[in-house]
Protein backbone atom coordinates (compact mmCIF):
# COMPACT_ATOMS: atom_id res chain seq x y z
CA MET A 1 -156.02 15.11 104.18
CA THR A 2 -153.48 16.41 101.72
CA GLU A 3 -149.95 15.20 102.44
CA ILE A 4 -147.31 17.95 102.29
CA VAL A 5 -143.93 16.64 101.12
CA LEU A 6 -140.81 18.82 101.10
CA THR A 7 -137.75 17.85 99.12
CA GLU A 8 -134.62 19.84 98.48
CA ASP A 9 -136.05 21.20 95.23
CA PHE A 10 -139.85 20.85 95.43
CA LEU A 11 -142.94 21.38 97.55
CA GLN A 12 -145.37 18.58 96.73
CA LEU A 13 -149.02 18.26 97.72
CA LYS A 14 -150.28 14.69 97.47
CA LEU A 15 -154.07 14.65 97.42
CA THR A 16 -156.20 11.66 98.33
CA THR A 17 -158.41 10.16 95.64
CA THR A 18 -161.47 11.82 97.18
CA GLU A 19 -159.71 15.21 97.28
CA LYS A 20 -158.76 14.84 93.61
CA VAL A 21 -162.39 14.19 92.68
CA VAL A 22 -163.75 17.07 94.80
CA THR A 23 -161.18 19.59 93.59
CA THR A 24 -160.93 18.35 89.99
CA HIS A 25 -157.19 18.71 90.57
CA GLY A 26 -154.28 16.30 90.65
CA ASP A 27 -151.26 16.30 92.91
CA ILE A 28 -149.40 19.62 92.95
CA SER A 29 -145.64 20.00 92.63
CA VAL A 30 -144.03 23.43 92.91
CA PRO A 31 -140.32 24.18 92.57
CA ARG A 32 -139.03 25.74 95.78
CA SER A 33 -137.40 28.42 93.63
CA ALA A 34 -140.95 29.61 92.72
CA ILE A 35 -141.76 30.42 96.37
CA THR A 36 -141.53 34.18 96.90
CA ALA A 37 -143.05 34.53 100.39
CA VAL A 38 -144.63 32.52 103.19
CA GLU A 39 -146.97 33.92 105.83
CA ILE A 40 -148.88 32.41 108.74
CA VAL A 41 -152.66 32.87 108.51
CA ASP A 42 -154.68 32.66 111.74
CA ASP A 43 -158.16 32.72 110.18
CA ALA A 44 -157.64 30.17 107.42
CA LEU A 45 -161.33 29.73 106.57
CA GLY A 46 -161.78 33.48 106.18
CA ALA A 47 -158.63 33.91 104.11
CA ALA A 48 -159.85 32.24 100.90
CA HIS A 49 -161.65 34.67 98.59
CA GLY A 50 -163.11 34.54 95.10
CA LEU A 51 -164.96 32.00 92.99
CA ARG A 52 -164.57 28.41 94.11
CA ILE A 53 -163.88 25.26 92.15
CA GLY A 54 -164.13 22.57 94.81
CA LEU A 55 -165.63 22.10 98.26
CA GLY A 56 -166.81 24.91 100.51
CA LEU A 57 -168.59 23.99 103.73
CA PRO A 58 -169.15 27.35 105.49
CA GLY A 59 -167.34 27.50 108.81
CA VAL A 60 -166.01 23.94 108.46
CA ARG A 61 -163.85 23.18 105.41
CA LYS A 62 -162.55 24.68 102.18
CA LEU A 63 -160.80 22.57 99.56
CA GLY A 64 -160.13 23.42 95.94
CA THR A 65 -159.09 26.33 93.76
CA TRP A 66 -160.28 29.87 94.50
CA VAL A 67 -160.07 32.33 91.63
CA SER A 68 -159.95 36.09 92.27
CA ARG A 69 -158.39 39.24 90.84
CA SER A 70 -155.15 38.37 92.60
CA GLY A 71 -154.92 35.00 90.81
CA ARG A 72 -155.61 31.34 91.41
CA GLU A 73 -155.08 29.93 94.91
CA PHE A 74 -155.19 26.26 95.88
CA VAL A 75 -156.88 26.01 99.29
CA ASP A 76 -156.92 23.14 101.79
CA VAL A 77 -158.06 24.40 105.21
CA ARG A 78 -160.41 23.32 107.98
CA LYS A 79 -162.03 24.79 111.10
CA GLY A 80 -159.74 25.31 114.09
CA GLN A 81 -156.53 24.69 112.16
CA PRO A 82 -154.00 27.45 111.45
CA ALA A 83 -152.58 27.75 107.97
CA ILE A 84 -149.80 29.18 105.86
CA ARG A 85 -150.08 31.07 102.59
CA VAL A 86 -147.30 30.34 100.12
CA GLN A 87 -146.91 33.01 97.41
CA LEU A 88 -145.66 31.71 94.06
CA THR A 89 -144.23 33.16 90.87
CA GLY A 90 -144.17 31.70 87.37
CA GLN A 91 -146.71 28.97 88.19
CA SER A 92 -150.31 28.30 87.14
CA LEU A 93 -151.28 28.94 90.78
CA SER A 94 -150.41 32.30 92.35
CA SER A 95 -150.53 30.92 95.90
CA LEU A 96 -151.30 27.99 98.18
CA LEU A 97 -153.33 28.25 101.40
CA LEU A 98 -152.56 25.14 103.44
CA GLY A 99 -153.84 24.09 106.84
CA THR A 100 -151.16 22.70 109.13
CA ASP A 101 -150.87 21.84 112.81
CA ASP A 102 -147.43 23.51 113.06
CA PRO A 103 -147.49 26.62 110.84
CA GLN A 104 -144.29 28.11 112.30
CA ALA A 105 -142.20 25.04 111.44
CA LEU A 106 -143.64 24.69 107.94
CA ALA A 107 -143.26 28.42 107.23
CA ALA A 108 -139.63 28.30 108.37
CA ALA A 109 -138.94 25.24 106.21
CA LEU A 110 -140.48 26.90 103.14
CA ALA A 111 -139.08 30.41 103.58
CA PRO A 112 -137.28 31.55 100.42
CA LYS A 113 -133.52 31.32 100.69
CA ALA A 114 -131.74 34.67 100.38
């Protein structure tokens, strides 16, 4: 599973070797200043829309990049796990949809500073 690492200046997603192969994507590093909004998503599997580059097991797992009219979204979610959606600006990805066991804590940690 993707490791989420928070530093003072960056949100980093460290993918396993298998995840890198499946998603055709490397690790992701986003400046925290690029985060514009964070929301908790209850139905993570249903929240990813568009054309997929990566893994999509209906009702079980979604991993990769989804491309839609609203932009490119990196998705890493699984059945029964809540998620957060991180909206970005000025990045190649417009958002991140990340499964997490504690979405409230992660959303609070990532919330843009006023």
